[in-house]
Amino acid sequence: MVREGLVGAAHKGQKNPRDEDMEMEGRKSKQSALCDEETVREMFDKVLLCTDKNCEFHSPMPADAQISGGYVKGSRNKRGRRKGRSGSGAEEEPVDLTTLLIHCAQAAAIDDHRNSSELLKQIRKHSSATGDAGQRLAHYFADGLEARLAGSGSSIYRSLAAKRTSTGDILKAFSLYVKACPFRILSHYVANTTILNATKSATRLHIIDYGIMYGFQWPVLMQRLSKRPGGPPYLRITGIDFPLSGFRPAERVEATGRRLHEYARMFNVPFEYQAIAAKWDTIQVKDLNMKSDEFVVVNCLYRMRNMMDETVTDDSPRTRVLNTIRKLNPHLFVHGIVNGTYNAPFFVTRFKEAMFFFSSIFDMLEANALRMDEHRLLIEREFFGREAVNVIACEGTERIERPETYKQWQMRNLRAGFRQLALDREIMKRARYKVSKSYQGDFLVDEDNKWMLQGWKGRIIYALSAWTS
């Protein structure tokens, strides 16, 4: 543990003017940091809490609301979509970027540097981080191909992953994302409502969140717990995440705890927080300080894809983590997964599957967010673009983007000894209704094998289910 101390020297006699200047600068920087923190806090409240203007999934639903399964066609207008052209000025012949990308990947797979470099030049000429959906996808996939061809994929990805984006910018990007698509806000609503329904009579609630990141899911849960008849339970959250690179590996998960403490005070919820920054498969039951009188909930939304599997090591970290969770005997295990098929060991197959998957993401953002919105650009660059580079340029333990389908996860969870719970009819009905009213068409909200499925234009992108031990 690193503890900050008071470091300084006492100066006798007259102060040095330079010392006074430095003192003044220190005060200014502290005041600036406090202002920044207050601004971020206001943004958190606005984006994450249930207010009159921001409470779509909790407001009353008409008794006669009828929503069929599958696609939910909405009423919102499309947000400023404009068809783009490659290049500028005069009309150009359309370029098939998909074919160019696949041909380049095939050349890269056999180390044909001459052809792959020529194809990469053509892709670069017609792709752009600010173009239409296809041009943006090609831009980031070209980054991945270029890194792979240079043999520097791992170092490039590590430098991208080491970049620190401010919490304020992440929150602004999250705000745009929940306006553009229902995926995260719907996941939080379904997960939290499932937790609330299961813990109505619990007096002590322990949530173990694998992959807590910024903790965006929990302020609104605290808000809803505070309104529970008889008062809120004693809430304990164990926030688990992978360690960050650098000197402060637990920096983010600890900052998340401080913010959650503020919300607990705000809503008068008795609260305790434990931060763990470690490789998940090294965490043991004894590290989680389990108590016999607690209602135990394990929550993991969309982060298990970042763990190694059997293709890397015989002793699969995924299996080890699921077995540890099973040993906790949780009353409830809420599991959300990225429904991806781009985890093949063969590069070209993986490349094609990744291209089809990410094309849905970029198409969805193109249809629902302004093209030059800085936060859309941040989402595409810092999240999906970075993930694509990892899938394309990295191999072995350096490739951390390893999603599986919900059917594959179903078998993993069953093998670990979990029993799947049925989806709540009322939660699903409200979810479909609210998506249909708040988002424009082509979003998919459906269910299969007790999983809630979310997608875009027929492609399932996320799936969520509930389990018990």
Protein backbone atom coordinates (compact mmCIF):
# COMPACT_ATOMS: atom_id res chain seq x y z
CA MET A 1 0.00 0.00 0.00
CA VAL A 2 1.29 3.47 -0.86
CA ARG A 3 0.45 6.07 1.74
CA GLU A 4 0.79 9.76 1.07
CA GLY A 5 2.67 11.68 3.74
CA LEU A 6 3.39 15.29 4.54
CA VAL A 7 6.64 16.29 2.93
CA GLY A 8 8.13 19.71 3.40
CA ALA A 9 10.69 21.90 5.14
CA ALA A 10 10.27 24.73 7.64
CA HIS A 11 11.83 27.97 6.47
CA LYS A 12 12.87 30.56 9.06
CA GLY A 13 12.84 34.22 8.31
CA GLN A 14 11.41 35.94 5.27
CA LYS A 15 9.55 33.91 2.63
CA ASN A 16 11.09 33.59 -0.76
CA PRO A 17 8.79 35.27 -3.36
CA ARG A 18 9.21 32.16 -5.51
CA ASP A 19 7.84 30.05 -2.62
CA GLU A 20 4.77 32.29 -2.47
CA ASP A 21 4.27 31.89 -6.22
CA MET A 22 4.50 28.13 -5.87
CA GLU A 23 2.03 28.18 -2.96
CA MET A 24 -0.40 30.22 -5.03
CA GLU A 25 -0.04 27.80 -7.95
CA GLY A 26 -0.69 24.88 -5.61
CA ARG A 27 -3.87 26.49 -4.29
CA LYS A 28 -5.04 27.21 -7.82
CA SER A 29 -4.43 23.63 -8.96
CA LYS A 30 -6.27 22.26 -5.91
CA GLN A 31 -9.20 24.61 -6.53
CA SER A 32 -9.19 23.58 -10.19
CA ALA A 33 -9.22 19.88 -9.23
CA LEU A 34 -12.14 20.48 -6.84
CA CYS A 35 -14.06 22.33 -9.57
CA ASP A 36 -13.38 19.48 -12.00
CA GLU A 37 -14.60 16.93 -9.44
CA GLU A 38 -17.78 18.95 -8.80
CA THR A 39 -18.44 19.19 -12.54
CA VAL A 40 -17.95 15.44 -12.97
CA ARG A 41 -20.27 14.79 -10.01
CA GLU A 42 -23.02 16.96 -11.56
CA MET A 43 -22.60 15.04 -14.82
CA PHE A 44 -22.86 11.73 -12.97
CA ASP A 45 -26.13 12.84 -11.37
CA LYS A 46 -27.55 14.01 -14.68
CA VAL A 47 -26.59 10.92 -16.67
CA LEU A 48 -26.90 8.09 -14.17
CA LEU A 49 -29.71 8.94 -11.76
CA CYS A 50 -33.43 8.56 -12.25
CA THR A 51 -34.90 12.06 -12.65
CA ASP A 52 -38.05 13.43 -14.27
CA LYS A 53 -36.22 13.86 -17.58
CA ASN A 54 -34.07 10.74 -17.33
CA CYS A 55 -36.20 7.88 -16.10
CA GLU A 56 -37.43 6.12 -19.21
CA PHE A 57 -37.30 2.58 -17.85
CA HIS A 58 -38.93 3.40 -14.51
CA SER A 59 -41.86 5.60 -15.60
CA PRO A 60 -45.36 4.10 -15.76
CA MET A 61 -46.26 1.89 -18.71
CA PRO A 62 -49.81 1.95 -20.18
CA ALA A 63 -51.83 -1.07 -19.04
CA ASP A 64 -52.76 -1.89 -22.63
CA ALA A 65 -49.19 -1.66 -23.99
CA GLN A 66 -48.66 -4.43 -26.54
CA ILE A 67 -45.12 -5.13 -27.71
CA SER A 68 -44.29 -8.24 -29.71
CA GLY A 69 -40.95 -10.06 -29.41
CA GLY A 70 -37.92 -9.36 -31.54
CA TYR A 71 -37.61 -6.04 -33.33
CA VAL A 72 -38.97 -2.99 -31.56
CA LYS A 73 -39.69 -0.24 -34.04
CA GLY A 74 -39.39 3.14 -32.39
CA SER A 75 -40.62 6.65 -33.09
CA ARG A 76 -37.46 8.71 -32.67
CA ASN A 77 -36.23 10.45 -35.80
CA LYS A 78 -32.83 9.55 -37.20
CA ARG A 79 -30.16 11.92 -35.94
CA GLY A 80 -28.62 13.88 -38.77
CA ARG A 81 -27.45 11.00 -40.92
CA ARG A 82 -25.72 12.12 -44.10
CA LYS A 83 -24.42 9.93 -46.83
CA GLY A 84 -20.69 10.41 -47.22
CA ARG A 85 -18.33 9.95 -50.13
CA SER A 86 -14.76 8.78 -50.11
CA GLY A 87 -12.33 11.62 -50.70
CA SER A 88 -13.52 15.13 -51.44
CA GLY A 89 -14.71 17.23 -54.32
CA ALA A 90 -15.48 15.39 -57.56
CA GLU A 91 -17.51 12.19 -57.80
CA GLU A 92 -15.48 9.01 -57.50
CA GLU A 93 -16.12 5.43 -58.38
CA PRO A 94 -17.45 3.53 -55.34
CA VAL A 95 -14.80 1.48 -53.59
CA ASP A 96 -15.54 -1.91 -52.06
CA LEU A 97 -13.69 -1.48 -48.79
CA THR A 98 -14.94 -4.82 -47.45
CA THR A 99 -13.26 -6.76 -50.27
CA LEU A 100 -10.07 -4.70 -49.97
CA LEU A 101 -9.91 -5.40 -46.23
CA ILE A 102 -10.43 -9.16 -46.66
CA HIS A 103 -7.83 -9.36 -49.43
CA CYS A 104 -5.38 -7.41 -47.28
CA ALA A 105 -6.01 -9.75 -44.32
CA GLN A 106 -5.45 -12.78 -46.56
CA ALA A 107 -2.15 -11.33 -47.78
CA ALA A 108 -1.10 -10.50 -44.22
CA ALA A 109 -1.91 -14.08 -43.12
CA ILE A 110 0.72 -15.49 -45.50
CA ASP A 111 3.24 -12.67 -44.89
CA ASP A 112 2.80 -11.31 -48.41
CA HIS A 113 4.08 -7.86 -47.51
CA ARG A 114 4.15 -6.48 -51.06
CA ASN A 115 0.48 -7.12 -51.80
CA SER A 116 -0.72 -6.32 -48.30
CA SER A 117 1.14 -2.98 -48.31
CA GLU A 118 -0.36 -2.05 -51.68
CA LEU A 119 -3.87 -2.99 -50.52
CA LEU A 120 -3.34 -1.06 -47.30
CA LYS A 121 -2.47 2.07 -49.30
CA GLN A 122 -5.76 1.77 -51.19
CA ILE A 123 -7.72 1.26 -47.95
CA ARG A 124 -6.04 4.29 -46.37
CA LYS A 125 -6.91 6.40 -49.41
CA HIS A 126 -10.63 5.69 -49.09
CA SER A 127 -11.09 5.32 -45.32
CA SER A 128 -11.45 7.98 -42.66
CA ALA A 129 -12.13 8.25 -38.91
CA THR A 130 -14.73 10.93 -39.74
CA GLY A 131 -16.34 9.36 -42.82
CA ASP A 132 -19.41 7.14 -43.05
CA ALA A 133 -19.74 3.91 -41.07
CA GLY A 134 -17.85 1.79 -43.62
CA GLN A 135 -15.01 4.30 -43.93
CA ARG A 136 -14.63 4.52 -40.15
CA LEU A 137 -14.60 0.75 -39.76
CA ALA A 138 -11.95 0.49 -42.54
CA HIS A 139 -9.85 3.17 -40.85
CA TYR A 140 -9.56 1.25 -37.56
CA PHE A 141 -9.21 -2.14 -39.22
CA ALA A 142 -6.40 -0.66 -41.33
CA ASP A 143 -4.72 0.43 -38.07
CA GLY A 144 -4.88 -3.18 -36.90
CA LEU A 145 -3.55 -4.57 -40.19
CA GLU A 146 -0.73 -2.06 -40.28
CA ALA A 147 0.31 -2.97 -36.71
CA ARG A 148 0.14 -6.68 -37.53
CA LEU A 149 2.26 -6.28 -40.67
CA ALA A 150 4.82 -4.27 -38.73
CA GLY A 151 4.98 -6.98 -36.05
CA SER A 152 4.25 -4.32 -33.44
CA GLY A 153 0.64 -5.14 -32.61
CA SER A 154 1.26 -5.90 -28.94
CA SER A 155 3.29 -2.75 -28.23
CA ILE A 156 0.85 -0.54 -30.15
CA TYR A 157 -2.12 -2.00 -28.28
CA ARG A 158 -0.36 -1.64 -24.91
CA SER A 159 0.30 2.04 -25.65
CA LEU A 160 -3.37 2.52 -26.60
CA ALA A 161 -4.54 0.73 -23.45
CA ALA A 162 -2.19 2.79 -21.28
CA LYS A 163 -3.75 6.07 -22.42
CA ARG A 164 -5.82 7.66 -19.67
CA THR A 165 -9.11 9.25 -20.72
CA SER A 166 -10.62 11.49 -18.05
CA THR A 167 -13.67 10.23 -16.19
CA GLY A 168 -15.56 13.31 -17.36
CA ASP A 169 -14.92 12.49 -21.03
CA ILE A 170 -15.85 8.84 -20.47
CA LEU A 171 -19.11 9.93 -18.86
CA LYS A 172 -19.92 12.29 -21.76
CA ALA A 173 -19.27 9.45 -24.19
CA PHE A 174 -21.47 7.16 -22.09
CA SER A 175 -24.22 9.80 -22.15
CA LEU A 176 -24.12 9.91 -25.96
CA TYR A 177 -24.03 6.10 -26.13
CA VAL A 178 -27.20 5.68 -24.03
CA LYS A 179 -28.94 8.26 -26.21
CA ALA A 180 -27.85 6.49 -29.39
CA CYS A 181 -28.68 2.94 -28.30
CA PRO A 182 -30.39 1.12 -25.41
CA PHE A 183 -27.74 -1.56 -24.90
CA ARG A 184 -26.14 -0.36 -21.65
CA ILE A 185 -29.06 1.43 -20.02
CA LEU A 186 -31.33 -1.55 -20.72
CA SER A 187 -28.71 -3.94 -19.32
CA HIS A 188 -28.43 -1.86 -16.15
CA TYR A 189 -32.20 -1.66 -15.80
CA VAL A 190 -32.74 -5.41 -16.21
CA ALA A 191 -29.80 -6.33 -13.94
CA ASN A 192 -30.75 -3.86 -11.20
CA THR A 193 -34.46 -4.70 -11.27
CA THR A 194 -33.62 -8.41 -11.08
CA ILE A 195 -31.41 -7.67 -8.05
CA LEU A 196 -34.10 -5.54 -6.39
CA ASN A 197 -36.79 -8.17 -6.93
CA ALA A 198 -34.56 -10.85 -5.41
CA THR A 199 -33.53 -8.81 -2.37
CA LYS A 200 -36.84 -7.34 -1.16
CA SER A 201 -36.47 -8.79 2.34
CA ALA A 202 -32.65 -8.75 2.61
CA THR A 203 -31.18 -6.60 5.38
CA ARG A 204 -27.57 -7.00 4.22
CA LEU A 205 -26.69 -7.05 0.51
CA HIS A 206 -23.23 -7.86 -0.84
CA ILE A 207 -22.67 -7.18 -4.56
CA ILE A 208 -19.46 -8.56 -6.04
CA ASP A 209 -18.96 -6.78 -9.36
CA TYR A 210 -16.43 -8.37 -11.71
CA GLY A 211 -15.41 -5.60 -14.10
CA ILE A 212 -16.83 -2.63 -12.18
CA MET A 213 -14.83 -0.02 -14.16
CA TYR A 214 -16.48 3.36 -13.35
CA GLY A 215 -19.42 1.89 -11.44
CA PHE A 216 -22.04 3.50 -13.71
CA GLN A 217 -24.55 0.76 -12.83
CA TRP A 218 -24.79 1.39 -9.10
CA PRO A 219 -25.90 4.98 -8.29
CA VAL A 220 -29.43 4.35 -9.60
CA LEU A 221 -29.58 1.06 -7.67
CA MET A 222 -28.76 2.98 -4.48
CA GLN A 223 -31.45 5.50 -5.41
CA ARG A 224 -34.00 2.73 -5.78
CA LEU A 225 -32.87 0.93 -2.62
CA SER A 226 -33.34 4.16 -0.66
CA LYS A 227 -37.04 4.11 -1.55
CA ARG A 228 -37.59 0.56 -0.35
CA PRO A 229 -40.36 0.19 2.26
CA GLY A 230 -38.70 -0.22 5.64
CA GLY A 231 -35.53 1.47 4.45
CA PRO A 232 -32.48 0.33 2.46
CA PRO A 233 -30.36 -2.69 3.40
CA TYR A 234 -26.75 -2.46 4.49
CA LEU A 235 -25.01 -2.45 1.11
CA ARG A 236 -21.52 -3.80 0.53
CA ILE A 237 -19.94 -3.63 -2.93
CA THR A 238 -16.72 -5.42 -3.81
CA GLY A 239 -15.44 -3.77 -6.98
CA ILE A 240 -13.14 -6.02 -9.00
CA ASP A 241 -11.21 -5.04 -12.09
CA PHE A 242 -8.03 -5.82 -13.96
CA PRO A 243 -5.03 -3.79 -12.75
CA LEU A 244 -4.11 -0.74 -14.80
CA SER A 245 -0.62 -0.43 -16.22
CA GLY A 246 1.74 1.95 -14.47
CA PHE A 247 2.40 2.86 -10.84
CA ARG A 248 -1.23 2.95 -9.65
CA PRO A 249 -2.89 -0.28 -10.80
CA ALA A 250 -5.93 0.19 -8.54
CA GLU A 251 -6.44 3.90 -9.31
CA ARG A 252 -9.71 3.54 -11.24
CA VAL A 253 -11.36 0.94 -9.04
CA GLU A 254 -10.52 2.99 -5.92
CA ALA A 255 -11.84 6.23 -7.47
CA THR A 256 -15.06 4.36 -8.29
CA GLY A 257 -15.37 3.45 -4.62
CA ARG A 258 -15.00 7.07 -3.53
CA ARG A 259 -17.79 8.17 -5.89
CA LEU A 260 -20.06 5.35 -4.72
CA HIS A 261 -19.48 6.40 -1.10
CA GLU A 262 -20.73 9.87 -2.06
CA TYR A 263 -23.91 8.41 -3.55
CA ALA A 264 -24.47 6.21 -0.52
CA ARG A 265 -24.31 9.33 1.69
CA MET A 266 -26.60 11.17 -0.71
CA PHE A 267 -29.28 8.44 -0.47
CA ASN A 268 -28.66 7.49 3.20
CA VAL A 269 -27.71 3.94 2.27
CA PRO A 270 -25.40 2.24 4.80
CA PHE A 271 -22.40 1.37 2.63
CA GLU A 272 -19.07 -0.38 2.56
CA TYR A 273 -16.69 -0.80 -0.39
CA GLN A 274 -13.75 -3.04 -1.13
CA ALA A 275 -11.52 -2.46 -4.17
CA ILE A 276 -9.64 -5.35 -5.79
CA ALA A 277 -7.36 -4.80 -8.79
CA ALA A 278 -5.98 -8.20 -9.80
CA LYS A 279 -6.14 -10.91 -12.42
CA TRP A 280 -9.56 -12.39 -11.83
CA ASP A 281 -8.45 -16.01 -11.84
CA THR A 282 -6.05 -15.30 -8.94
CA ILE A 283 -8.85 -14.03 -6.67
CA GLN A 284 -9.94 -16.58 -4.08
CA VAL A 285 -13.03 -16.85 -1.89
CA LYS A 286 -11.08 -15.71 1.20
CA ASP A 287 -10.17 -12.44 -0.57
CA LEU A 288 -13.85 -11.45 -0.72
CA ASN A 289 -14.51 -11.42 3.06
CA MET A 290 -17.80 -13.30 2.82
CA LYS A 291 -20.27 -13.07 5.72
CA SER A 292 -22.98 -15.61 6.49
CA ASP A 293 -25.80 -13.07 7.00
CA GLU A 294 -25.47 -11.41 3.57
CA PHE A 295 -27.55 -11.83 0.44
CA VAL A 296 -24.80 -12.37 -2.13
CA VAL A 297 -25.09 -11.10 -5.71
CA VAL A 298 -22.34 -11.59 -8.28
CA ASN A 299 -22.57 -9.19 -11.23
CA CYS A 300 -20.48 -9.35 -14.40
CA LEU A 301 -21.57 -7.35 -17.43
CA TYR A 302 -19.66 -7.79 -20.69
CA ARG A 303 -16.14 -8.22 -19.30
CA MET A 304 -15.58 -11.99 -19.22
CA ARG A 305 -14.55 -11.68 -22.87
CA ASN A 306 -11.26 -10.17 -21.65
CA MET A 307 -10.14 -13.39 -19.97
CA MET A 308 -8.00 -16.09 -21.53
CA ASP A 309 -9.62 -19.39 -22.55
CA GLU A 310 -8.63 -22.98 -23.41
CA THR A 311 -6.96 -21.96 -26.68
CA VAL A 312 -4.24 -20.17 -24.67
CA THR A 313 -3.85 -22.37 -21.62
CA ASP A 314 -5.13 -25.79 -20.58
CA ASP A 315 -6.13 -24.43 -17.17
CA SER A 316 -8.72 -21.96 -18.47
CA PRO A 317 -8.98 -18.73 -16.41
CA ARG A 318 -12.66 -18.53 -17.45
CA THR A 319 -13.34 -21.89 -15.86
CA ARG A 320 -11.36 -20.95 -12.74
CA VAL A 321 -13.34 -17.71 -12.26
CA LEU A 322 -16.71 -19.41 -12.78
CA ASN A 323 -15.69 -22.10 -10.29
CA THR A 324 -14.71 -19.44 -7.74
CA ILE A 325 -18.05 -17.69 -8.20
CA ARG A 326 -19.81 -21.02 -7.74
CA LYS A 327 -17.90 -21.60 -4.46
CA LEU A 328 -19.32 -18.29 -3.20
CA ASN A 329 -22.81 -19.86 -3.41
CA PRO A 330 -24.33 -16.59 -4.64
CA HIS A 331 -28.07 -16.19 -4.31
CA LEU A 332 -27.95 -14.45 -7.69
CA PHE A 333 -25.41 -14.28 -10.53
CA VAL A 334 -26.20 -11.70 -13.23
CA HIS A 335 -24.13 -12.42 -16.33
CA GLY A 336 -23.97 -10.22 -19.43
CA ILE A 337 -21.86 -11.21 -22.44
CA VAL A 338 -20.72 -9.77 -25.76
CA ASN A 339 -22.17 -12.18 -28.32
CA GLY A 340 -19.16 -12.34 -30.62
CA THR A 341 -17.84 -15.06 -32.93
CA TYR A 342 -14.43 -13.46 -33.56
CA ASN A 343 -12.41 -15.65 -31.22
CA ALA A 344 -11.15 -18.09 -33.85
CA PRO A 345 -7.46 -19.07 -33.70
CA PHE A 346 -7.25 -18.73 -37.51
CA PHE A 347 -6.56 -15.11 -38.40
CA VAL A 348 -8.59 -14.67 -41.61
CA THR A 349 -11.67 -16.33 -40.09
CA ARG A 350 -11.35 -14.13 -37.01
CA PHE A 351 -10.85 -11.03 -39.15
CA LYS A 352 -14.00 -11.65 -41.20
CA GLU A 353 -16.13 -12.35 -38.13
CA ALA A 354 -14.81 -9.24 -36.39
CA MET A 355 -15.56 -7.16 -39.48
CA PHE A 356 -19.18 -8.33 -39.58
CA PHE A 357 -19.61 -7.71 -35.85
CA PHE A 358 -18.03 -4.25 -35.71
CA SER A 359 -19.80 -3.17 -38.91
CA SER A 360 -23.07 -3.49 -36.95
CA ILE A 361 -21.70 -1.29 -34.17
CA PHE A 362 -20.45 1.41 -36.56
CA ASP A 363 -23.69 1.26 -38.58
CA MET A 364 -25.75 1.67 -35.40
CA LEU A 365 -23.74 4.75 -34.37
CA GLU A 366 -24.00 6.18 -37.90
CA ALA A 367 -27.79 5.88 -37.77
CA ASN A 368 -28.19 7.38 -34.30
CA ALA A 369 -25.40 9.91 -33.65
CA LEU A 370 -24.15 12.99 -35.49
CA ARG A 371 -21.15 12.26 -37.65
CA MET A 372 -18.80 14.86 -36.16
CA ASP A 373 -19.91 14.53 -32.53
CA GLU A 374 -16.65 14.49 -30.55
CA HIS A 375 -18.01 11.90 -28.14
CA ARG A 376 -19.02 9.57 -30.94
CA LEU A 377 -15.47 9.90 -32.25
CA LEU A 378 -14.16 9.11 -28.75
CA ILE A 379 -16.38 6.00 -28.46
CA GLU A 380 -15.22 4.73 -31.85
CA ARG A 381 -11.55 5.50 -31.19
CA GLU A 382 -11.12 4.60 -27.50
CA PHE A 383 -13.42 1.60 -27.32
CA PHE A 384 -14.43 -0.13 -30.53
CA GLY A 385 -11.42 0.98 -32.58
CA ARG A 386 -9.03 -0.10 -29.83
CA GLU A 387 -10.80 -3.47 -29.48
CA ALA A 388 -10.56 -4.04 -33.25
CA VAL A 389 -6.80 -3.35 -33.18
CA ASN A 390 -6.39 -5.95 -30.42
CA VAL A 391 -8.38 -8.59 -32.35
CA ILE A 392 -6.43 -8.01 -35.57
CA ALA A 393 -2.89 -7.21 -34.43
CA CYS A 394 -2.41 -9.37 -31.34
CA GLU A 395 -2.01 -13.11 -30.75
CA GLY A 396 -1.61 -15.41 -27.75
CA THR A 397 -1.90 -13.82 -24.31
CA GLU A 398 -1.70 -10.35 -25.90
CA ARG A 399 -5.10 -10.83 -27.55
CA ILE A 400 -7.57 -10.02 -24.79
CA GLU A 401 -10.70 -9.52 -26.91
CA ARG A 402 -12.07 -13.09 -26.91
CA PRO A 403 -15.88 -13.05 -26.95
CA GLU A 404 -18.07 -16.14 -27.18
CA THR A 405 -21.75 -16.61 -28.02
CA TYR A 406 -24.39 -16.78 -25.32
CA LYS A 407 -24.91 -20.47 -26.18
CA GLN A 408 -21.24 -21.15 -25.43
CA TRP A 409 -21.49 -19.25 -22.13
CA GLN A 410 -24.66 -21.17 -21.30
CA MET A 411 -22.69 -24.41 -21.45
CA ARG A 412 -19.83 -22.95 -19.40
CA ASN A 413 -22.19 -21.75 -16.65
CA LEU A 414 -24.03 -25.07 -16.54
CA ARG A 415 -20.75 -27.01 -16.34
CA ALA A 416 -19.72 -24.80 -13.41
CA GLY A 417 -22.85 -25.92 -11.56
CA PHE A 418 -25.12 -22.88 -11.89
CA ARG A 419 -28.88 -23.13 -12.35
CA GLN A 420 -30.41 -20.69 -14.81
CA LEU A 421 -33.37 -18.52 -13.78
CA ALA A 422 -36.23 -17.56 -16.07
CA LEU A 423 -36.47 -13.97 -17.29
CA ASP A 424 -39.10 -11.94 -15.46
CA ARG A 425 -42.10 -11.40 -17.78
CA GLU A 426 -42.85 -7.92 -16.47
CA ILE A 427 -39.22 -6.76 -16.80
CA MET A 428 -39.07 -7.99 -20.39
CA LYS A 429 -42.39 -6.40 -21.29
CA ARG A 430 -41.30 -3.04 -19.86
CA ALA A 431 -37.89 -3.30 -21.56
CA ARG A 432 -39.42 -3.84 -25.00
CA TYR A 433 -41.98 -1.10 -24.51
CA LYS A 434 -39.47 1.51 -23.35
CA VAL A 435 -37.04 0.72 -26.18
CA SER A 436 -39.88 1.05 -28.69
CA LYS A 437 -40.81 4.47 -27.29
CA SER A 438 -37.34 5.90 -26.74
CA TYR A 439 -35.27 4.61 -29.67
CA GLN A 440 -35.68 4.52 -33.42
CA GLY A 441 -36.25 1.24 -35.24
CA ASP A 442 -33.92 -1.67 -36.09
CA PHE A 443 -33.01 -2.42 -32.47
CA LEU A 444 -33.60 -5.99 -31.40
CA VAL A 445 -34.84 -6.96 -27.92
CA ASP A 446 -35.68 -10.65 -27.75
CA GLU A 447 -35.15 -13.73 -25.62
CA ASP A 448 -33.88 -17.23 -26.18
CA ASN A 449 -33.04 -20.01 -23.72
CA LYS A 450 -33.70 -17.61 -20.80
CA TRP A 451 -31.28 -15.00 -22.18
CA MET A 452 -32.32 -11.44 -22.98
CA LEU A 453 -30.85 -10.63 -26.39
CA GLN A 454 -30.06 -7.14 -27.71
CA GLY A 455 -28.96 -6.34 -31.22
CA TRP A 456 -29.08 -4.22 -34.33
CA LYS A 457 -30.61 -5.17 -37.70
CA GLY A 458 -30.79 -8.86 -36.86
CA ARG A 459 -27.29 -9.26 -35.38
CA ILE A 460 -27.27 -10.18 -31.69
CA ILE A 461 -24.64 -8.02 -30.00
CA TYR A 462 -25.28 -8.50 -26.27
CA ALA A 463 -27.00 -11.14 -24.13
CA LEU A 464 -27.87 -11.18 -20.43
CA SER A 465 -29.12 -13.87 -18.08
CA ALA A 466 -29.60 -14.61 -14.36
CA TRP A 467 -28.35 -17.65 -12.48
CA THR A 468 -28.30 -19.08 -8.98
CA SER A 469 -26.15 -21.60 -7.17
